[in-house]
Amino acid sequence: MAISTDYDAPRHPAGNDLAEDSLEELTARRSNGQSASVDVDDNDVGFELPGAELADEELTVPVVPMRGDEFRCSSCFLVHHRSQLARERNGAPICTECS
């Protein structure tokens, strides 16, 4: 026979003494200097944002003008084909995704 588990009962992980501490005890421990300190210099060693090696590169993108069978949605400001025109609100076109 299998033992049923009460998933609504509060759980206390083994070895977690902080779960038993009250707010007053934690505040007193912090004021006494017993809290763990984090050395900031050790954490940022070797950390580099993606694309940082491209800082000196100049990126160029060709801009293509809007064609006659396209429109710019007044809600999402994306250029869509006329087949995706759902309606016009106050004379401004709205695409099918935004309507």
PDB file of N, CA and C in Angstrom:
ATOM      1  N   MET A   1       0.829  -1.176   0.000  1.00  0.00           N
ATOM      2  CA  MET A   1       0.000   0.000   0.000  1.00  0.00           C
ATOM      3  C   MET A   1       0.876   1.242   0.000  1.00  0.00           C
ATOM      4  N   ALA A   2       0.592   2.163  -0.914  1.00  0.00           N
ATOM      5  CA  ALA A   2       1.396   3.374  -1.040  1.00  0.00           C
ATOM      6  C   ALA A   2       0.984   4.406  -0.002  1.00  0.00           C
ATOM      7  N   ILE A   3       1.951   5.158   0.451  1.00  0.00           N
ATOM      8  CA  ILE A   3       1.685   6.210   1.429  1.00  0.00           C
ATOM      9  C   ILE A   3       1.298   7.473   0.669  1.00  0.00           C
ATOM     10  N   SER A   4       0.191   8.075   1.079  1.00  0.00           N
ATOM     11  CA  SER A   4      -0.245   9.299   0.407  1.00  0.00           C
ATOM     12  C   SER A   4       0.536  10.491   0.942  1.00  0.00           C
ATOM     13  N   THR A   5       0.730  11.486   0.099  1.00  0.00           N
ATOM     14  CA  THR A   5       1.466  12.691   0.456  1.00  0.00           C
ATOM     15  C   THR A   5       0.510  13.867   0.495  1.00  0.00           C
ATOM     16  N   ASP A   6       0.572  14.627   1.573  1.00  0.00           N
ATOM     17  CA  ASP A   6      -0.248  15.828   1.696  1.00  0.00           C
ATOM     18  C   ASP A   6       0.549  17.000   1.121  1.00  0.00           C
ATOM     19  N   TYR A   7       0.193  17.421  -0.091  1.00  0.00           N
ATOM     20  CA  TYR A   7       0.926  18.484  -0.759  1.00  0.00           C
ATOM     21  C   TYR A   7       0.598  19.866  -0.215  1.00  0.00           C
ATOM     22  N   ASP A   8      -0.454  19.973   0.579  1.00  0.00           N
ATOM     23  CA  ASP A   8      -0.816  21.258   1.169  1.00  0.00           C
ATOM     24  C   ASP A   8      -0.110  21.514   2.494  1.00  0.00           C
ATOM     25  N   ALA A   9       0.520  20.499   3.053  1.00  0.00           N
ATOM     26  CA  ALA A   9       1.219  20.657   4.324  1.00  0.00           C
ATOM     27  C   ALA A   9       2.488  21.480   4.113  1.00  0.00           C
ATOM     28  N   PRO A  10       2.841  22.344   5.062  1.00  0.00           N
ATOM     29  CA  PRO A  10       4.076  23.132   4.917  1.00  0.00           C
ATOM     30  C   PRO A  10       5.297  22.228   4.926  1.00  0.00           C
ATOM     31  N   ARG A  11       6.258  22.546   4.087  1.00  0.00           N
ATOM     32  CA  ARG A  11       7.479  21.749   3.966  1.00  0.00           C
ATOM     33  C   ARG A  11       8.648  22.498   4.572  1.00  0.00           C
ATOM     34  N   HIS A  12       9.508  21.772   5.228  1.00  0.00           N
ATOM     35  CA  HIS A  12      10.719  22.340   5.808  1.00  0.00           C
ATOM     36  C   HIS A  12      11.901  21.587   5.248  1.00  0.00           C
ATOM     37  N   PRO A  13      12.675  22.202   4.338  1.00  0.00           N
ATOM     38  CA  PRO A  13      13.829  21.502   3.777  1.00  0.00           C
ATOM     39  C   PRO A  13      14.866  21.190   4.851  1.00  0.00           C
ATOM     40  N   ALA A  14      15.513  20.072   4.721  1.00  0.00           N
ATOM     41  CA  ALA A  14      16.520  19.644   5.686  1.00  0.00           C
ATOM     42  C   ALA A  14      17.717  20.575   5.640  1.00  0.00           C
ATOM     43  N   GLY A  15      18.201  20.949   6.806  1.00  0.00           N
ATOM     44  CA  GLY A  15      19.396  21.777   6.886  1.00  0.00           C
ATOM     45  C   GLY A  15      19.145  23.261   6.697  1.00  0.00           C
ATOM     46  N   ASN A  16      17.899  23.704   6.646  1.00  0.00           N
ATOM     47  CA  ASN A  16      17.598  25.113   6.458  1.00  0.00           C
ATOM     48  C   ASN A  16      17.228  25.713   7.800  1.00  0.00           C
ATOM     49  N   ASP A  17      18.217  26.328   8.483  1.00  0.00           N
ATOM     50  CA  ASP A  17      17.975  26.923   9.788  1.00  0.00           C
ATOM     51  C   ASP A  17      17.283  28.277   9.681  1.00  0.00           C
ATOM     52  N   LEU A  18      17.388  28.926   8.527  1.00  0.00           N
ATOM     53  CA  LEU A  18      16.782  30.250   8.375  1.00  0.00           C
ATOM     54  C   LEU A  18      15.265  30.186   8.367  1.00  0.00           C
ATOM     55  N   ALA A  19      14.694  29.037   8.008  1.00  0.00           N
ATOM     56  CA  ALA A  19      13.244  28.908   7.983  1.00  0.00           C
ATOM     57  C   ALA A  19      12.654  29.010   9.381  1.00  0.00           C
ATOM     58  N   GLU A  20      13.428  28.656  10.399  1.00  0.00           N
ATOM     59  CA  GLU A  20      12.960  28.685  11.779  1.00  0.00           C
ATOM     60  C   GLU A  20      13.195  30.035  12.443  1.00  0.00           C
ATOM     61  N   ASP A  21      14.046  30.880  11.886  1.00  0.00           N
ATOM     62  CA  ASP A  21      14.386  32.152  12.511  1.00  0.00           C
ATOM     63  C   ASP A  21      13.252  33.156  12.350  1.00  0.00           C
ATOM     64  N   SER A  22      13.075  33.968  13.359  1.00  0.00           N
ATOM     65  CA  SER A  22      12.060  35.015  13.290  1.00  0.00           C
ATOM     66  C   SER A  22      12.675  36.260  12.661  1.00  0.00           C
ATOM     67  N   LEU A  23      11.836  37.211  12.339  1.00  0.00           N
ATOM     68  CA  LEU A  23      12.295  38.455  11.733  1.00  0.00           C
ATOM     69  C   LEU A  23      13.210  39.220  12.687  1.00  0.00           C
ATOM     70  N   GLU A  24      12.893  39.185  13.980  1.00  0.00           N
ATOM     71  CA  GLU A  24      13.714  39.891  14.966  1.00  0.00           C
ATOM     72  C   GLU A  24      15.108  39.278  15.053  1.00  0.00           C
ATOM     73  N   GLU A  25      15.191  37.935  14.996  1.00  0.00           N
ATOM     74  CA  GLU A  25      16.492  37.279  15.055  1.00  0.00           C
ATOM     75  C   GLU A  25      17.333  37.610  13.828  1.00  0.00           C
ATOM     76  N   LEU A  26      16.706  37.633  12.658  1.00  0.00           N
ATOM     77  CA  LEU A  26      17.435  37.967  11.439  1.00  0.00           C
ATOM     78  C   LEU A  26      17.906  39.410  11.453  1.00  0.00           C
ATOM     79  N   THR A  27      17.084  40.327  11.947  1.00  0.00           N
ATOM     80  CA  THR A  27      17.467  41.738  12.036  1.00  0.00           C
ATOM     81  C   THR A  27      18.613  41.925  13.026  1.00  0.00           C
ATOM     82  N   ALA A  28      18.552  41.233  14.152  1.00  0.00           N
ATOM     83  CA  ALA A  28      19.620  41.327  15.138  1.00  0.00           C
ATOM     84  C   ALA A  28      20.916  40.752  14.585  1.00  0.00           C
ATOM     85  N   ARG A  29      20.828  39.654  13.846  1.00  0.00           N
ATOM     86  CA  ARG A  29      22.011  39.046  13.260  1.00  0.00           C
ATOM     87  C   ARG A  29      22.658  39.982  12.239  1.00  0.00           C
ATOM     88  N   ARG A  30      21.827  40.689  11.456  1.00  0.00           N
ATOM     89  CA  ARG A  30      22.354  41.623  10.465  1.00  0.00           C
ATOM     90  C   ARG A  30      23.032  42.805  11.137  1.00  0.00           C
ATOM     91  N   SER A  31      22.441  43.324  12.228  1.00  0.00           N
ATOM     92  CA  SER A  31      23.032  44.473  12.907  1.00  0.00           C
ATOM     93  C   SER A  31      24.327  44.093  13.618  1.00  0.00           C
ATOM     94  N   ASN A  32      24.473  42.834  14.005  1.00  0.00           N
ATOM     95  CA  ASN A  32      25.703  42.371  14.653  1.00  0.00           C
ATOM     96  C   ASN A  32      26.801  42.058  13.652  1.00  0.00           C
ATOM     97  N   GLY A  33      26.494  42.111  12.360  1.00  0.00           N
ATOM     98  CA  GLY A  33      27.513  41.857  11.352  1.00  0.00           C
ATOM     99  C   GLY A  33      27.696  40.388  11.045  1.00  0.00           C
ATOM    100  N   GLN A  34      26.724  39.556  11.343  1.00  0.00           N
ATOM    101  CA  GLN A  34      26.850  38.135  11.093  1.00  0.00           C
ATOM    102  C   GLN A  34      26.343  37.740   9.720  1.00  0.00           C
ATOM    103  N   SER A  35      25.894  38.691   8.934  1.00  0.00           N
ATOM    104  CA  SER A  35      25.367  38.348   7.618  1.00  0.00           C
ATOM    105  C   SER A  35      26.511  38.061   6.653  1.00  0.00           C
ATOM    106  N   ALA A  36      26.233  37.313   5.631  1.00  0.00           N
ATOM    107  CA  ALA A  36      27.243  36.957   4.643  1.00  0.00           C
ATOM    108  C   ALA A  36      27.548  38.168   3.779  1.00  0.00           C
ATOM    109  N   SER A  37      28.812  38.371   3.484  1.00  0.00           N
ATOM    110  CA  SER A  37      29.195  39.488   2.636  1.00  0.00           C
ATOM    111  C   SER A  37      29.554  38.966   1.247  1.00  0.00           C
ATOM    112  N   VAL A  38      29.301  39.773   0.251  1.00  0.00           N
ATOM    113  CA  VAL A  38      29.562  39.405  -1.134  1.00  0.00           C
ATOM    114  C   VAL A  38      30.651  40.322  -1.661  1.00  0.00           C
ATOM    115  N   ASP A  39      31.684  39.729  -2.202  1.00  0.00           N
ATOM    116  CA  ASP A  39      32.768  40.505  -2.784  1.00  0.00           C
ATOM    117  C   ASP A  39      32.402  40.814  -4.233  1.00  0.00           C
ATOM    118  N   VAL A  40      32.133  42.070  -4.524  1.00  0.00           N
ATOM    119  CA  VAL A  40      31.652  42.470  -5.835  1.00  0.00           C
ATOM    120  C   VAL A  40      32.724  42.280  -6.902  1.00  0.00           C
ATOM    121  N   ASP A  41      33.983  42.480  -6.547  1.00  0.00           N
ATOM    122  CA  ASP A  41      35.060  42.385  -7.532  1.00  0.00           C
ATOM    123  C   ASP A  41      35.213  40.966  -8.087  1.00  0.00           C
ATOM    124  N   ASP A  42      34.908  39.959  -7.294  1.00  0.00           N
ATOM    125  CA  ASP A  42      35.041  38.579  -7.766  1.00  0.00           C
ATOM    126  C   ASP A  42      33.944  38.205  -8.751  1.00  0.00           C
ATOM    127  N   ASN A  43      32.791  38.861  -8.659  1.00  0.00           N
ATOM    128  CA  ASN A  43      31.654  38.473  -9.490  1.00  0.00           C
ATOM    129  C   ASN A  43      31.747  38.991 -10.915  1.00  0.00           C
ATOM    130  N   ASP A  44      32.401  40.106 -11.155  1.00  0.00           N
ATOM    131  CA  ASP A  44      32.410  40.682 -12.495  1.00  0.00           C
ATOM    132  C   ASP A  44      33.666  40.341 -13.300  1.00  0.00           C
ATOM    133  N   VAL A  45      34.502  39.473 -12.803  1.00  0.00           N
ATOM    134  CA  VAL A  45      35.700  39.091 -13.527  1.00  0.00           C
ATOM    135  C   VAL A  45      35.307  38.226 -14.717  1.00  0.00           C
ATOM    136  N   GLY A  46      35.722  38.632 -15.907  1.00  0.00           N
ATOM    137  CA  GLY A  46      35.453  37.858 -17.093  1.00  0.00           C
ATOM    138  C   GLY A  46      34.047  38.018 -17.638  1.00  0.00           C
ATOM    139  N   PHE A  47      33.250  38.906 -17.072  1.00  0.00           N
ATOM    140  CA  PHE A  47      31.887  39.098 -17.556  1.00  0.00           C
ATOM    141  C   PHE A  47      31.892  40.133 -18.669  1.00  0.00           C
ATOM    142  N   GLU A  48      31.366  39.754 -19.822  1.00  0.00           N
ATOM    143  CA  GLU A  48      31.331  40.655 -20.960  1.00  0.00           C
ATOM    144  C   GLU A  48      29.968  40.553 -21.632  1.00  0.00           C
ATOM    145  N   LEU A  49      29.399  41.675 -21.958  1.00  0.00           N
ATOM    146  CA  LEU A  49      28.099  41.682 -22.608  1.00  0.00           C
ATOM    147  C   LEU A  49      28.210  41.137 -24.020  1.00  0.00           C
ATOM    148  N   PRO A  50      27.170  40.419 -24.486  1.00  0.00           N
ATOM    149  CA  PRO A  50      27.213  39.916 -25.855  1.00  0.00           C
ATOM    150  C   PRO A  50      27.226  41.065 -26.854  1.00  0.00           C
ATOM    151  N   GLY A  51      28.052  40.954 -27.855  1.00  0.00           N
ATOM    152  CA  GLY A  51      28.164  41.990 -28.868  1.00  0.00           C
ATOM    153  C   GLY A  51      29.161  43.073 -28.526  1.00  0.00           C
ATOM    154  N   ALA A  52      29.833  42.973 -27.376  1.00  0.00           N
ATOM    155  CA  ALA A  52      30.788  44.000 -26.977  1.00  0.00           C
ATOM    156  C   ALA A  52      31.994  44.042 -27.915  1.00  0.00           C
ATOM    157  N   GLU A  53      32.301  42.905 -28.545  1.00  0.00           N
ATOM    158  CA  GLU A  53      33.432  42.883 -29.479  1.00  0.00           C
ATOM    159  C   GLU A  53      33.118  43.652 -30.753  1.00  0.00           C
ATOM    160  N   LEU A  54      31.849  43.981 -30.967  1.00  0.00           N
ATOM    161  CA  LEU A  54      31.445  44.732 -32.160  1.00  0.00           C
ATOM    162  C   LEU A  54      31.281  46.224 -31.885  1.00  0.00           C
ATOM    163  N   ALA A  55      31.830  46.711 -30.787  1.00  0.00           N
ATOM    164  CA  ALA A  55      31.632  48.105 -30.397  1.00  0.00           C
ATOM    165  C   ALA A  55      32.204  49.077 -31.424  1.00  0.00           C
ATOM    166  N   ASP A  56      33.278  48.711 -32.088  1.00  0.00           N
ATOM    167  CA  ASP A  56      33.900  49.613 -33.052  1.00  0.00           C
ATOM    168  C   ASP A  56      33.354  49.435 -34.462  1.00  0.00           C
ATOM    169  N   GLU A  57      32.475  48.483 -34.663  1.00  0.00           N
ATOM    170  CA  GLU A  57      31.912  48.211 -35.980  1.00  0.00           C
ATOM    171  C   GLU A  57      30.734  49.140 -36.250  1.00  0.00           C
ATOM    172  N   GLU A  58      30.585  49.538 -37.489  1.00  0.00           N
ATOM    173  CA  GLU A  58      29.444  50.338 -37.892  1.00  0.00           C
ATOM    174  C   GLU A  58      28.500  49.446 -38.693  1.00  0.00           C
ATOM    175  N   LEU A  59      27.273  49.338 -38.223  1.00  0.00           N
ATOM    176  CA  LEU A  59      26.297  48.485 -38.876  1.00  0.00           C
ATOM    177  C   LEU A  59      25.446  49.324 -39.816  1.00  0.00           C
ATOM    178  N   THR A  60      25.339  48.888 -41.046  1.00  0.00           N
ATOM    179  CA  THR A  60      24.516  49.597 -42.016  1.00  0.00           C
ATOM    180  C   THR A  60      23.425  48.677 -42.507  1.00  0.00           C
ATOM    181  N   VAL A  61      22.218  49.218 -42.618  1.00  0.00           N
ATOM    182  CA  VAL A  61      21.060  48.466 -43.070  1.00  0.00           C
ATOM    183  C   VAL A  61      20.419  49.249 -44.201  1.00  0.00           C
ATOM    184  N   PRO A  62      20.197  48.618 -45.337  1.00  0.00           N
ATOM    185  CA  PRO A  62      19.541  49.346 -46.426  1.00  0.00           C
ATOM    186  C   PRO A  62      18.059  49.570 -46.096  1.00  0.00           C
ATOM    187  N   VAL A  63      17.588  50.782 -46.312  1.00  0.00           N
ATOM    188  CA  VAL A  63      16.192  51.122 -46.061  1.00  0.00           C
ATOM    189  C   VAL A  63      15.446  51.058 -47.385  1.00  0.00           C
ATOM    190  N   VAL A  64      14.410  50.220 -47.410  1.00  0.00           N
ATOM    191  CA  VAL A  64      13.613  50.039 -48.614  1.00  0.00           C
ATOM    192  C   VAL A  64      12.325  50.836 -48.436  1.00  0.00           C
ATOM    193  N   PRO A  65      11.993  51.729 -49.364  1.00  0.00           N
ATOM    194  CA  PRO A  65      10.763  52.511 -49.205  1.00  0.00           C
ATOM    195  C   PRO A  65       9.524  51.613 -49.311  1.00  0.00           C
ATOM    196  N   MET A  66       8.445  52.077 -48.699  1.00  0.00           N
ATOM    197  CA  MET A  66       7.200  51.322 -48.702  1.00  0.00           C
ATOM    198  C   MET A  66       6.639  51.264 -50.119  1.00  0.00           C
ATOM    199  N   ARG A  67       6.156  50.103 -50.518  1.00  0.00           N
ATOM    200  CA  ARG A  67       5.608  49.917 -51.858  1.00  0.00           C
ATOM    201  C   ARG A  67       4.160  50.376 -51.895  1.00  0.00           C
ATOM    202  N   GLY A  68       3.599  50.427 -53.091  1.00  0.00           N
ATOM    203  CA  GLY A  68       2.226  50.883 -53.260  1.00  0.00           C
ATOM    204  C   GLY A  68       1.185  49.931 -52.709  1.00  0.00           C
ATOM    205  N   ASP A  69       1.520  48.642 -52.601  1.00  0.00           N
ATOM    206  CA  ASP A  69       0.553  47.682 -52.084  1.00  0.00           C
ATOM    207  C   ASP A  69       0.781  47.381 -50.601  1.00  0.00           C
ATOM    208  N   GLU A  70       1.475  48.255 -49.887  1.00  0.00           N
ATOM    209  CA  GLU A  70       1.744  48.080 -48.472  1.00  0.00           C
ATOM    210  C   GLU A  70       1.151  49.241 -47.673  1.00  0.00           C
ATOM    211  N   PHE A  71       0.951  49.002 -46.396  1.00  0.00           N
ATOM    212  CA  PHE A  71       0.476  50.057 -45.503  1.00  0.00           C
ATOM    213  C   PHE A  71       1.170  49.914 -44.159  1.00  0.00           C
ATOM    214  N   ARG A  72       1.181  51.001 -43.396  1.00  0.00           N
ATOM    215  CA  ARG A  72       1.781  50.995 -42.062  1.00  0.00           C
ATOM    216  C   ARG A  72       0.646  51.001 -41.050  1.00  0.00           C
ATOM    217  N   CYS A  73       0.604  49.995 -40.195  1.00  0.00           N
ATOM    218  CA  CYS A  73      -0.439  49.879 -39.178  1.00  0.00           C
ATOM    219  C   CYS A  73      -0.285  51.012 -38.172  1.00  0.00           C
ATOM    220  N   SER A  74      -1.382  51.659 -37.842  1.00  0.00           N
ATOM    221  CA  SER A  74      -1.323  52.777 -36.904  1.00  0.00           C
ATOM    222  C   SER A  74      -1.288  52.309 -35.452  1.00  0.00           C
ATOM    223  N   SER A  75      -1.395  51.002 -35.218  1.00  0.00           N
ATOM    224  CA  SER A  75      -1.329  50.482 -33.863  1.00  0.00           C
ATOM    225  C   SER A  75       0.059  49.919 -33.550  1.00  0.00           C
ATOM    226  N   CYS A  76       0.580  49.015 -34.396  1.00  0.00           N
ATOM    227  CA  CYS A  76       1.890  48.398 -34.139  1.00  0.00           C
ATOM    228  C   CYS A  76       3.014  49.053 -34.943  1.00  0.00           C
ATOM    229  N   PHE A  77       2.669  49.921 -35.900  1.00  0.00           N
ATOM    230  CA  PHE A  77       3.612  50.666 -36.726  1.00  0.00           C
ATOM    231  C   PHE A  77       4.488  49.777 -37.604  1.00  0.00           C
ATOM    232  N   LEU A  78       4.022  48.561 -37.895  1.00  0.00           N
ATOM    233  CA  LEU A  78       4.731  47.677 -38.818  1.00  0.00           C
ATOM    234  C   LEU A  78       4.149  47.834 -40.216  1.00  0.00           C
ATOM    235  N   VAL A  79       4.980  47.574 -41.219  1.00  0.00           N
ATOM    236  CA  VAL A  79       4.531  47.646 -42.610  1.00  0.00           C
ATOM    237  C   VAL A  79       4.009  46.276 -43.014  1.00  0.00           C
ATOM    238  N   HIS A  80       2.770  46.238 -43.514  1.00  0.00           N
ATOM    239  CA  HIS A  80       2.113  45.000 -43.919  1.00  0.00           C
ATOM    240  C   HIS A  80       1.657  45.118 -45.370  1.00  0.00           C
ATOM    241  N   HIS A  81       1.383  43.971 -45.986  1.00  0.00           N
ATOM    242  CA  HIS A  81       0.780  43.934 -47.311  1.00  0.00           C
ATOM    243  C   HIS A  81      -0.701  44.304 -47.177  1.00  0.00           C
ATOM    244  N   ARG A  82      -1.281  44.852 -48.240  1.00  0.00           N
ATOM    245  CA  ARG A  82      -2.686  45.271 -48.215  1.00  0.00           C
ATOM    246  C   ARG A  82      -3.636  44.129 -47.878  1.00  0.00           C
ATOM    247  N   SER A  83      -3.237  42.887 -48.124  1.00  0.00           N
ATOM    248  CA  SER A  83      -4.099  41.750 -47.806  1.00  0.00           C
ATOM    249  C   SER A  83      -4.290  41.587 -46.301  1.00  0.00           C
ATOM    250  N   GLN A  84      -3.440  42.209 -45.485  1.00  0.00           N
ATOM    251  CA  GLN A  84      -3.564  42.111 -44.038  1.00  0.00           C
ATOM    252  C   GLN A  84      -4.275  43.312 -43.431  1.00  0.00           C
ATOM    253  N   LEU A  85      -4.872  44.149 -44.257  1.00  0.00           N
ATOM    254  CA  LEU A  85      -5.627  45.297 -43.763  1.00  0.00           C
ATOM    255  C   LEU A  85      -6.964  44.811 -43.233  1.00  0.00           C
ATOM    256  N   ALA A  86      -7.224  45.025 -41.957  1.00  0.00           N
ATOM    257  CA  ALA A  86      -8.471  44.567 -41.348  1.00  0.00           C
ATOM    258  C   ALA A  86      -9.539  45.641 -41.424  1.00  0.00           C
ATOM    259  N   ARG A  87      -9.191  46.855 -41.026  1.00  0.00           N
ATOM    260  CA  ARG A  87     -10.157  47.965 -41.024  1.00  0.00           C
ATOM    261  C   ARG A  87      -9.403  49.267 -40.867  1.00  0.00           C
ATOM    262  N   GLU A  88     -10.139  50.330 -40.878  1.00  0.00           N
ATOM    263  CA  GLU A  88      -9.559  51.651 -40.625  1.00  0.00           C
ATOM    264  C   GLU A  88     -10.300  52.263 -39.449  1.00  0.00           C
ATOM    265  N   ARG A  89      -9.554  52.823 -38.543  1.00  0.00           N
ATOM    266  CA  ARG A  89     -10.118  53.490 -37.381  1.00  0.00           C
ATOM    267  C   ARG A  89      -9.751  54.957 -37.444  1.00  0.00           C
ATOM    268  N   ASN A  90     -10.740  55.812 -37.583  1.00  0.00           N
ATOM    269  CA  ASN A  90     -10.539  57.252 -37.719  1.00  0.00           C
ATOM    270  C   ASN A  90      -9.625  57.568 -38.903  1.00  0.00           C
ATOM    271  N   GLY A  91      -9.760  56.796 -39.977  1.00  0.00           N
ATOM    272  CA  GLY A  91      -8.974  57.010 -41.174  1.00  0.00           C
ATOM    273  C   GLY A  91      -7.583  56.416 -41.135  1.00  0.00           C
ATOM    274  N   ALA A  92      -7.222  55.751 -40.036  1.00  0.00           N
ATOM    275  CA  ALA A  92      -5.897  55.150 -39.899  1.00  0.00           C
ATOM    276  C   ALA A  92      -6.012  53.648 -40.082  1.00  0.00           C
ATOM    277  N   PRO A  93      -5.150  53.033 -40.910  1.00  0.00           N
ATOM    278  CA  PRO A  93      -5.246  51.592 -41.166  1.00  0.00           C
ATOM    279  C   PRO A  93      -4.829  50.758 -39.942  1.00  0.00           C
ATOM    280  N   ILE A  94      -5.521  49.625 -39.752  1.00  0.00           N
ATOM    281  CA  ILE A  94      -5.225  48.681 -38.666  1.00  0.00           C
ATOM    282  C   ILE A  94      -5.047  47.305 -39.300  1.00  0.00           C
ATOM    283  N   CYS A  95      -3.969  46.605 -38.924  1.00  0.00           N
ATOM    284  CA  CYS A  95      -3.704  45.277 -39.492  1.00  0.00           C
ATOM    285  C   CYS A  95      -4.570  44.220 -38.799  1.00  0.00           C
ATOM    286  N   THR A  96      -4.579  43.017 -39.359  1.00  0.00           N
ATOM    287  CA  THR A  96      -5.406  41.941 -38.814  1.00  0.00           C
ATOM    288  C   THR A  96      -4.910  41.487 -37.440  1.00  0.00           C
ATOM    289  N   GLU A  97      -3.629  41.599 -37.166  1.00  0.00           N
ATOM    290  CA  GLU A  97      -3.091  41.191 -35.864  1.00  0.00           C
ATOM    291  C   GLU A  97      -3.495  42.145 -34.762  1.00  0.00           C
ATOM    292  N   CYS A  98      -3.657  43.411 -35.071  1.00  0.00           N
ATOM    293  CA  CYS A  98      -3.983  44.408 -34.046  1.00  0.00           C
ATOM    294  C   CYS A  98      -5.489  44.608 -33.865  1.00  0.00           C
ATOM    295  N   SER A  99      -6.288  44.161 -34.849  1.00  0.00           N
ATOM    296  CA  SER A  99      -7.720  44.408 -34.734  1.00  0.00           C
ATOM    297  C   SER A  99      -8.407  43.442 -33.804  1.00  0.00           C
TER     298      SER A  99
END
